[in-house]
């Protein structure tokens, strides 16, 4: 992980931990989980599609540490 991503992660965790109400803090984390899940799914899909250019899905799968069919699923943002 790059230093800037780690700094952003630490900053986000610190901001969440500043929420004094336990229920609000919990709900904030739950909401972020949903948003990040969708955002990360799209980022991974784009990366898989980019890797596919000039490669087979099997080759992309090897790069990502998954099967070729799973790499293709990821490219479609499928679970």
PDB file of N, CA and C in Angstrom:
ATOM      1  N   UNK A   1       0.862  -1.175   0.000  1.00  0.00           N
ATOM      2  CA  UNK A   1       0.000   0.000   0.000  1.00  0.00           C
ATOM      3  C   UNK A   1       0.907   1.235   0.000  1.00  0.00           C
ATOM      4  N   UNK A   2       0.528   2.213  -0.773  1.00  0.00           N
ATOM      5  CA  UNK A   2       1.342   3.422  -0.826  1.00  0.00           C
ATOM      6  C   UNK A   2       1.169   4.224   0.466  1.00  0.00           C
ATOM      7  N   UNK A   3       2.155   5.071   0.738  1.00  0.00           N
ATOM      8  CA  UNK A   3       2.100   5.899   1.947  1.00  0.00           C
ATOM      9  C   UNK A   3       0.857   6.791   1.961  1.00  0.00           C
ATOM     10  N   UNK A   4       0.476   7.325   0.797  1.00  0.00           N
ATOM     11  CA  UNK A   4      -0.682   8.225   0.766  1.00  0.00           C
ATOM     12  C   UNK A   4      -1.976   7.468   1.061  1.00  0.00           C
ATOM     13  N   UNK A   5      -2.086   6.230   0.579  1.00  0.00           N
ATOM     14  CA  UNK A   5      -3.275   5.441   0.884  1.00  0.00           C
ATOM     15  C   UNK A   5      -3.321   5.077   2.362  1.00  0.00           C
ATOM     16  N   UNK A   6      -2.184   4.738   2.916  1.00  0.00           N
ATOM     17  CA  UNK A   6      -2.140   4.404   4.343  1.00  0.00           C
ATOM     18  C   UNK A   6      -2.505   5.629   5.185  1.00  0.00           C
ATOM     19  N   UNK A   7      -2.013   6.795   4.790  1.00  0.00           N
ATOM     20  CA  UNK A   7      -2.338   8.022   5.518  1.00  0.00           C
ATOM     21  C   UNK A   7      -3.839   8.320   5.423  1.00  0.00           C
ATOM     22  N   UNK A   8      -4.421   8.099   4.263  1.00  0.00           N
ATOM     23  CA  UNK A   8      -5.861   8.323   4.097  1.00  0.00           C
ATOM     24  C   UNK A   8      -6.657   7.342   4.954  1.00  0.00           C
ATOM     25  N   UNK A   9      -6.213   6.088   4.998  1.00  0.00           N
ATOM     26  CA  UNK A   9      -6.902   5.080   5.816  1.00  0.00           C
ATOM     27  C   UNK A   9      -6.849   5.460   7.286  1.00  0.00           C
ATOM     28  N   UNK A  10      -5.676   5.842   7.752  1.00  0.00           N
ATOM     29  CA  UNK A  10      -5.515   6.228   9.157  1.00  0.00           C
ATOM     30  C   UNK A  10      -6.375   7.445   9.467  1.00  0.00           C
ATOM     31  N   UNK A  11      -6.400   8.399   8.557  1.00  0.00           N
ATOM     32  CA  UNK A  11      -7.208   9.604   8.748  1.00  0.00           C
ATOM     33  C   UNK A  11      -8.692   9.266   8.835  1.00  0.00           C
ATOM     34  N   UNK A  12      -9.150   8.369   7.972  1.00  0.00           N
ATOM     35  CA  UNK A  12     -10.555   7.962   7.991  1.00  0.00           C
ATOM     36  C   UNK A  12     -10.899   7.247   9.293  1.00  0.00           C
ATOM     37  N   UNK A  13     -10.053   6.333   9.711  1.00  0.00           N
ATOM     38  CA  UNK A  13     -10.290   5.610  10.962  1.00  0.00           C
ATOM     39  C   UNK A  13     -10.309   6.580  12.136  1.00  0.00           C
ATOM     40  N   UNK A  14      -9.383   7.522  12.145  1.00  0.00           N
ATOM     41  CA  UNK A  14      -9.365   8.527  13.213  1.00  0.00           C
ATOM     42  C   UNK A  14     -10.651   9.341  13.225  1.00  0.00           C
ATOM     43  N   UNK A  15     -11.128   9.745  12.046  1.00  0.00           N
ATOM     44  CA  UNK A  15     -12.358  10.532  11.956  1.00  0.00           C
ATOM     45  C   UNK A  15     -13.546   9.733  12.469  1.00  0.00           C
ATOM     46  N   UNK A  16     -13.595   8.464  12.118  1.00  0.00           N
ATOM     47  CA  UNK A  16     -14.690   7.617  12.602  1.00  0.00           C
ATOM     48  C   UNK A  16     -14.622   7.476  14.116  1.00  0.00           C
ATOM     49  N   UNK A  17     -13.429   7.274  14.629  1.00  0.00           N
ATOM     50  CA  UNK A  17     -13.271   7.106  16.074  1.00  0.00           C
ATOM     51  C   UNK A  17     -13.589   8.374  16.861  1.00  0.00           C
ATOM     52  N   UNK A  18     -13.631   9.514  16.186  1.00  0.00           N
ATOM     53  CA  UNK A  18     -14.000  10.761  16.847  1.00  0.00           C
ATOM     54  C   UNK A  18     -15.506  10.866  17.083  1.00  0.00           C
ATOM     55  N   UNK A  19     -16.282  10.018  16.436  1.00  0.00           N
ATOM     56  CA  UNK A  19     -17.727  10.018  16.655  1.00  0.00           C
ATOM     57  C   UNK A  19     -17.964   9.432  18.042  1.00  0.00           C
ATOM     58  N   UNK A  20     -18.454  10.243  18.943  1.00  0.00           N
ATOM     59  CA  UNK A  20     -18.546   9.822  20.346  1.00  0.00           C
ATOM     60  C   UNK A  20     -19.678   8.841  20.624  1.00  0.00           C
ATOM     61  N   UNK A  21     -20.764   8.969  19.885  1.00  0.00           N
ATOM     62  CA  UNK A  21     -21.905   8.087  20.113  1.00  0.00           C
ATOM     63  C   UNK A  21     -21.648   6.732  19.449  1.00  0.00           C
ATOM     64  N   UNK A  22     -21.722   5.672  20.238  1.00  0.00           N
ATOM     65  CA  UNK A  22     -21.426   4.335  19.723  1.00  0.00           C
ATOM     66  C   UNK A  22     -22.361   3.924  18.594  1.00  0.00           C
ATOM     67  N   UNK A  23     -23.639   4.254  18.704  1.00  0.00           N
ATOM     68  CA  UNK A  23     -24.598   3.892  17.663  1.00  0.00           C
ATOM     69  C   UNK A  23     -24.281   4.650  16.379  1.00  0.00           C
ATOM     70  N   UNK A  24     -24.022   5.942  16.479  1.00  0.00           N
ATOM     71  CA  UNK A  24     -23.685   6.738  15.295  1.00  0.00           C
ATOM     72  C   UNK A  24     -22.401   6.232  14.645  1.00  0.00           C
ATOM     73  N   UNK A  25     -21.400   5.909  15.471  1.00  0.00           N
ATOM     74  CA  UNK A  25     -20.130   5.408  14.953  1.00  0.00           C
ATOM     75  C   UNK A  25     -20.350   4.087  14.216  1.00  0.00           C
ATOM     76  N   UNK A  26     -21.132   3.193  14.814  1.00  0.00           N
ATOM     77  CA  UNK A  26     -21.439   1.902  14.191  1.00  0.00           C
ATOM     78  C   UNK A  26     -22.160   2.107  12.867  1.00  0.00           C
ATOM     79  N   UNK A  27     -23.170   2.969  12.857  1.00  0.00           N
ATOM     80  CA  UNK A  27     -23.938   3.220  11.637  1.00  0.00           C
ATOM     81  C   UNK A  27     -23.074   3.864  10.554  1.00  0.00           C
ATOM     82  N   UNK A  28     -22.165   4.729  10.963  1.00  0.00           N
ATOM     83  CA  UNK A  28     -21.259   5.358   9.994  1.00  0.00           C
ATOM     84  C   UNK A  28     -20.377   4.307   9.330  1.00  0.00           C
ATOM     85  N   UNK A  29     -19.879   3.378  10.115  1.00  0.00           N
ATOM     86  CA  UNK A  29     -19.033   2.316   9.570  1.00  0.00           C
ATOM     87  C   UNK A  29     -19.834   1.421   8.634  1.00  0.00           C
ATOM     88  N   UNK A  30     -21.055   1.063   9.026  1.00  0.00           N
ATOM     89  CA  UNK A  30     -21.900   0.225   8.174  1.00  0.00           C
ATOM     90  C   UNK A  30     -22.159   0.914   6.836  1.00  0.00           C
ATOM     91  N   UNK A  31     -22.459   2.202   6.861  1.00  0.00           N
ATOM     92  CA  UNK A  31     -22.727   2.944   5.631  1.00  0.00           C
ATOM     93  C   UNK A  31     -21.481   3.014   4.748  1.00  0.00           C
ATOM     94  N   UNK A  32     -20.341   3.233   5.368  1.00  0.00           N
ATOM     95  CA  UNK A  32     -19.091   3.282   4.602  1.00  0.00           C
ATOM     96  C   UNK A  32     -18.763   1.924   3.992  1.00  0.00           C
ATOM     97  N   UNK A  33     -19.040   0.855   4.710  1.00  0.00           N
ATOM     98  CA  UNK A  33     -18.792  -0.488   4.179  1.00  0.00           C
ATOM     99  C   UNK A  33     -19.552  -0.701   2.874  1.00  0.00           C
ATOM    100  N   UNK A  34     -20.797  -0.301   2.858  1.00  0.00           N
ATOM    101  CA  UNK A  34     -21.621  -0.476   1.657  1.00  0.00           C
ATOM    102  C   UNK A  34     -21.059   0.358   0.512  1.00  0.00           C
ATOM    103  N   UNK A  35     -20.743   1.611   0.798  1.00  0.00           N
ATOM    104  CA  UNK A  35     -20.221   2.493  -0.254  1.00  0.00           C
ATOM    105  C   UNK A  35     -18.876   2.013  -0.770  1.00  0.00           C
ATOM    106  N   UNK A  36     -17.973   1.661   0.153  1.00  0.00           N
ATOM    107  CA  UNK A  36     -16.654   1.193  -0.257  1.00  0.00           C
ATOM    108  C   UNK A  36     -16.744  -0.117  -1.022  1.00  0.00           C
ATOM    109  N   UNK A  37     -17.643  -0.994  -0.631  1.00  0.00           N
ATOM    110  CA  UNK A  37     -17.790  -2.259  -1.338  1.00  0.00           C
ATOM    111  C   UNK A  37     -18.104  -2.010  -2.804  1.00  0.00           C
ATOM    112  N   UNK A  38     -19.046  -1.134  -3.068  1.00  0.00           N
ATOM    113  CA  UNK A  38     -19.394  -0.815  -4.458  1.00  0.00           C
ATOM    114  C   UNK A  38     -18.254  -0.112  -5.179  1.00  0.00           C
ATOM    115  N   UNK A  39     -17.631   0.855  -4.515  1.00  0.00           N
ATOM    116  CA  UNK A  39     -16.515   1.579  -5.132  1.00  0.00           C
ATOM    117  C   UNK A  39     -15.362   0.632  -5.454  1.00  0.00           C
ATOM    118  N   UNK A  40     -15.008  -0.216  -4.505  1.00  0.00           N
ATOM    119  CA  UNK A  40     -13.897  -1.136  -4.699  1.00  0.00           C
ATOM    120  C   UNK A  40     -14.207  -2.164  -5.781  1.00  0.00           C
ATOM    121  N   UNK A  41     -15.457  -2.604  -5.844  1.00  0.00           N
ATOM    122  CA  UNK A  41     -15.871  -3.559  -6.867  1.00  0.00           C
ATOM    123  C   UNK A  41     -15.651  -2.947  -8.261  1.00  0.00           C
ATOM    124  N   UNK A  42     -16.019  -1.681  -8.415  1.00  0.00           N
ATOM    125  CA  UNK A  42     -15.841  -1.012  -9.702  1.00  0.00           C
ATOM    126  C   UNK A  42     -14.358  -0.808 -10.031  1.00  0.00           C
ATOM    127  N   UNK A  43     -13.555  -0.464  -9.042  1.00  0.00           N
ATOM    128  CA  UNK A  43     -12.116  -0.276  -9.258  1.00  0.00           C
ATOM    129  C   UNK A  43     -11.477  -1.593  -9.700  1.00  0.00           C
ATOM    130  N   UNK A  44     -11.840  -2.683  -9.029  1.00  0.00           N
ATOM    131  CA  UNK A  44     -11.302  -3.992  -9.398  1.00  0.00           C
ATOM    132  C   UNK A  44     -11.763  -4.401 -10.789  1.00  0.00           C
ATOM    133  N   UNK A  45     -13.009  -4.095 -11.133  1.00  0.00           N
ATOM    134  CA  UNK A  45     -13.534  -4.423 -12.460  1.00  0.00           C
ATOM    135  C   UNK A  45     -12.743  -3.694 -13.542  1.00  0.00           C
ATOM    136  N   UNK A  46     -12.486  -2.435 -13.322  1.00  0.00           N
ATOM    137  CA  UNK A  46     -11.721  -1.653 -14.288  1.00  0.00           C
ATOM    138  C   UNK A  46     -10.311  -2.208 -14.440  1.00  0.00           C
ATOM    139  N   UNK A  47      -9.680  -2.541 -13.329  1.00  0.00           N
ATOM    140  CA  UNK A  47      -8.331  -3.106 -13.381  1.00  0.00           C
ATOM    141  C   UNK A  47      -8.328  -4.420 -14.159  1.00  0.00           C
ATOM    142  N   UNK A  48      -9.300  -5.288 -13.895  1.00  0.00           N
ATOM    143  CA  UNK A  48      -9.371  -6.570 -14.601  1.00  0.00           C
ATOM    144  C   UNK A  48      -9.587  -6.350 -16.099  1.00  0.00           C
ATOM    145  N   UNK A  49     -10.467  -5.426 -16.457  1.00  0.00           N
ATOM    146  CA  UNK A  49     -10.695  -5.142 -17.882  1.00  0.00           C
ATOM    147  C   UNK A  49      -9.433  -4.597 -18.537  1.00  0.00           C
ATOM    148  N   UNK A  50      -8.723  -3.732 -17.831  1.00  0.00           N
ATOM    149  CA  UNK A  50      -7.479  -3.180 -18.381  1.00  0.00           C
ATOM    150  C   UNK A  50      -6.447  -4.285 -18.578  1.00  0.00           C
ATOM    151  N   UNK A  51      -6.338  -5.185 -17.620  1.00  0.00           N
ATOM    152  CA  UNK A  51      -5.376  -6.288 -17.729  1.00  0.00           C
ATOM    153  C   UNK A  51      -5.725  -7.242 -18.861  1.00  0.00           C
ATOM    154  N   UNK A  52      -6.996  -7.354 -19.189  1.00  0.00           N
ATOM    155  CA  UNK A  52      -7.452  -8.267 -20.232  1.00  0.00           C
ATOM    156  C   UNK A  52      -6.972  -7.845 -21.623  1.00  0.00           C
ATOM    157  N   UNK A  53      -6.685  -6.564 -21.801  1.00  0.00           N
ATOM    158  CA  UNK A  53      -6.230  -6.080 -23.107  1.00  0.00           C
ATOM    159  C   UNK A  53      -4.931  -6.788 -23.473  1.00  0.00           C
ATOM    160  N   UNK A  54      -4.998  -7.634 -24.502  1.00  0.00           N
ATOM    161  CA  UNK A  54      -3.823  -8.357 -24.963  1.00  0.00           C
ATOM    162  C   UNK A  54      -3.538  -9.643 -24.207  1.00  0.00           C
ATOM    163  N   UNK A  55      -4.429 -10.019 -23.283  1.00  0.00           N
ATOM    164  CA  UNK A  55      -4.241 -11.231 -22.496  1.00  0.00           C
ATOM    165  C   UNK A  55      -5.511 -12.065 -22.530  1.00  0.00           C
ATOM    166  N   UNK A  56      -5.372 -13.331 -22.137  1.00  0.00           N
ATOM    167  CA  UNK A  56      -6.541 -14.179 -21.950  1.00  0.00           C
ATOM    168  C   UNK A  56      -7.033 -13.992 -20.522  1.00  0.00           C
ATOM    169  N   UNK A  57      -8.268 -14.439 -20.266  1.00  0.00           N
ATOM    170  CA  UNK A  57      -8.783 -14.363 -18.898  1.00  0.00           C
ATOM    171  C   UNK A  57      -7.957 -15.245 -17.966  1.00  0.00           C
ATOM    172  N   UNK A  58      -7.434 -16.351 -18.491  1.00  0.00           N
ATOM    173  CA  UNK A  58      -6.587 -17.216 -17.671  1.00  0.00           C
ATOM    174  C   UNK A  58      -5.320 -16.472 -17.229  1.00  0.00           C
ATOM    175  N   UNK A  59      -4.729 -15.716 -18.146  1.00  0.00           N
ATOM    176  CA  UNK A  59      -3.538 -14.931 -17.804  1.00  0.00           C
ATOM    177  C   UNK A  59      -3.865 -13.839 -16.788  1.00  0.00           C
ATOM    178  N   UNK A  60      -5.003 -13.192 -16.981  1.00  0.00           N
ATOM    179  CA  UNK A  60      -5.431 -12.161 -16.029  1.00  0.00           C
ATOM    180  C   UNK A  60      -5.653 -12.802 -14.658  1.00  0.00           C
ATOM    181  N   UNK A  61      -6.295 -13.961 -14.652  1.00  0.00           N
ATOM    182  CA  UNK A  61      -6.508 -14.673 -13.399  1.00  0.00           C
ATOM    183  C   UNK A  61      -5.211 -14.971 -12.688  1.00  0.00           C
ATOM    184  N   UNK A  62      -4.205 -15.408 -13.434  1.00  0.00           N
ATOM    185  CA  UNK A  62      -2.892 -15.671 -12.824  1.00  0.00           C
ATOM    186  C   UNK A  62      -2.326 -14.413 -12.179  1.00  0.00           C
ATOM    187  N   UNK A  63      -2.442 -13.296 -12.865  1.00  0.00           N
ATOM    188  CA  UNK A  63      -1.936 -12.029 -12.319  1.00  0.00           C
ATOM    189  C   UNK A  63      -2.669 -11.636 -11.038  1.00  0.00           C
ATOM    190  N   UNK A  64      -3.964 -11.915 -11.001  1.00  0.00           N
ATOM    191  CA  UNK A  64      -4.786 -11.511  -9.855  1.00  0.00           C
ATOM    192  C   UNK A  64      -4.855 -12.574  -8.762  1.00  0.00           C
ATOM    193  N   UNK A  65      -4.347 -13.768  -9.051  1.00  0.00           N
ATOM    194  CA  UNK A  65      -4.387 -14.835  -8.065  1.00  0.00           C
ATOM    195  C   UNK A  65      -5.742 -15.520  -7.965  1.00  0.00           C
ATOM    196  N   UNK A  66      -6.469 -15.515  -9.070  1.00  0.00           N
ATOM    197  CA  UNK A  66      -7.787 -16.159  -9.129  1.00  0.00           C
ATOM    198  C   UNK A  66      -7.855 -16.970 -10.425  1.00  0.00           C
ATOM    199  N   UNK A  67      -8.943 -17.690 -10.619  1.00  0.00           N
ATOM    200  CA  UNK A  67      -9.115 -18.421 -11.874  1.00  0.00           C
ATOM    201  C   UNK A  67      -9.453 -17.446 -12.996  1.00  0.00           C
ATOM    202  N   UNK A  68      -9.316 -17.919 -14.208  1.00  0.00           N
ATOM    203  CA  UNK A  68      -9.666 -17.084 -15.355  1.00  0.00           C
ATOM    204  C   UNK A  68     -11.128 -16.706 -15.362  1.00  0.00           C
ATOM    205  N   UNK A  69     -11.994 -17.670 -15.009  1.00  0.00           N
ATOM    206  CA  UNK A  69     -13.427 -17.348 -14.993  1.00  0.00           C
ATOM    207  C   UNK A  69     -13.747 -16.337 -13.899  1.00  0.00           C
ATOM    208  N   UNK A  70     -13.055 -16.426 -12.764  1.00  0.00           N
ATOM    209  CA  UNK A  70     -13.284 -15.440 -11.698  1.00  0.00           C
ATOM    210  C   UNK A  70     -12.796 -14.058 -12.132  1.00  0.00           C
ATOM    211  N   UNK A  71     -11.677 -14.010 -12.845  1.00  0.00           N
ATOM    212  CA  UNK A  71     -11.172 -12.726 -13.353  1.00  0.00           C
ATOM    213  C   UNK A  71     -12.193 -12.088 -14.278  1.00  0.00           C
ATOM    214  N   UNK A  72     -12.808 -12.909 -15.126  1.00  0.00           N
ATOM    215  CA  UNK A  72     -13.834 -12.383 -16.021  1.00  0.00           C
ATOM    216  C   UNK A  72     -15.040 -11.886 -15.235  1.00  0.00           C
ATOM    217  N   UNK A  73     -15.434 -12.607 -14.199  1.00  0.00           N
ATOM    218  CA  UNK A  73     -16.543 -12.158 -13.338  1.00  0.00           C
ATOM    219  C   UNK A  73     -16.206 -10.830 -12.686  1.00  0.00           C
ATOM    220  N   UNK A  74     -14.981 -10.720 -12.179  1.00  0.00           N
ATOM    221  CA  UNK A  74     -14.554  -9.471 -11.531  1.00  0.00           C
ATOM    222  C   UNK A  74     -14.647  -8.317 -12.521  1.00  0.00           C
ATOM    223  N   UNK A  75     -14.291  -8.570 -13.768  1.00  0.00           N
ATOM    224  CA  UNK A  75     -14.323  -7.500 -14.784  1.00  0.00           C
ATOM    225  C   UNK A  75     -15.726  -6.955 -15.005  1.00  0.00           C
ATOM    226  N   UNK A  76     -16.714  -7.783 -14.700  1.00  0.00           N
ATOM    227  CA  UNK A  76     -18.112  -7.360 -14.834  1.00  0.00           C
ATOM    228  C   UNK A  76     -18.673  -6.881 -13.508  1.00  0.00           C
ATOM    229  N   UNK A  77     -17.815  -6.767 -12.505  1.00  0.00           N
ATOM    230  CA  UNK A  77     -18.221  -6.365 -11.152  1.00  0.00           C
ATOM    231  C   UNK A  77     -19.231  -7.340 -10.588  1.00  0.00           C
ATOM    232  N   UNK A  78     -19.056  -8.624 -10.913  1.00  0.00           N
ATOM    233  CA  UNK A  78     -19.950  -9.676 -10.422  1.00  0.00           C
ATOM    234  C   UNK A  78     -19.377 -10.300  -9.166  1.00  0.00           C
ATOM    235  N   UNK A  79     -20.247 -10.895  -8.375  1.00  0.00           N
ATOM    236  CA  UNK A  79     -19.817 -11.615  -7.166  1.00  0.00           C
ATOM    237  C   UNK A  79     -20.209 -13.039  -7.274  1.00  0.00           C
TER     238      UNK A  79
END
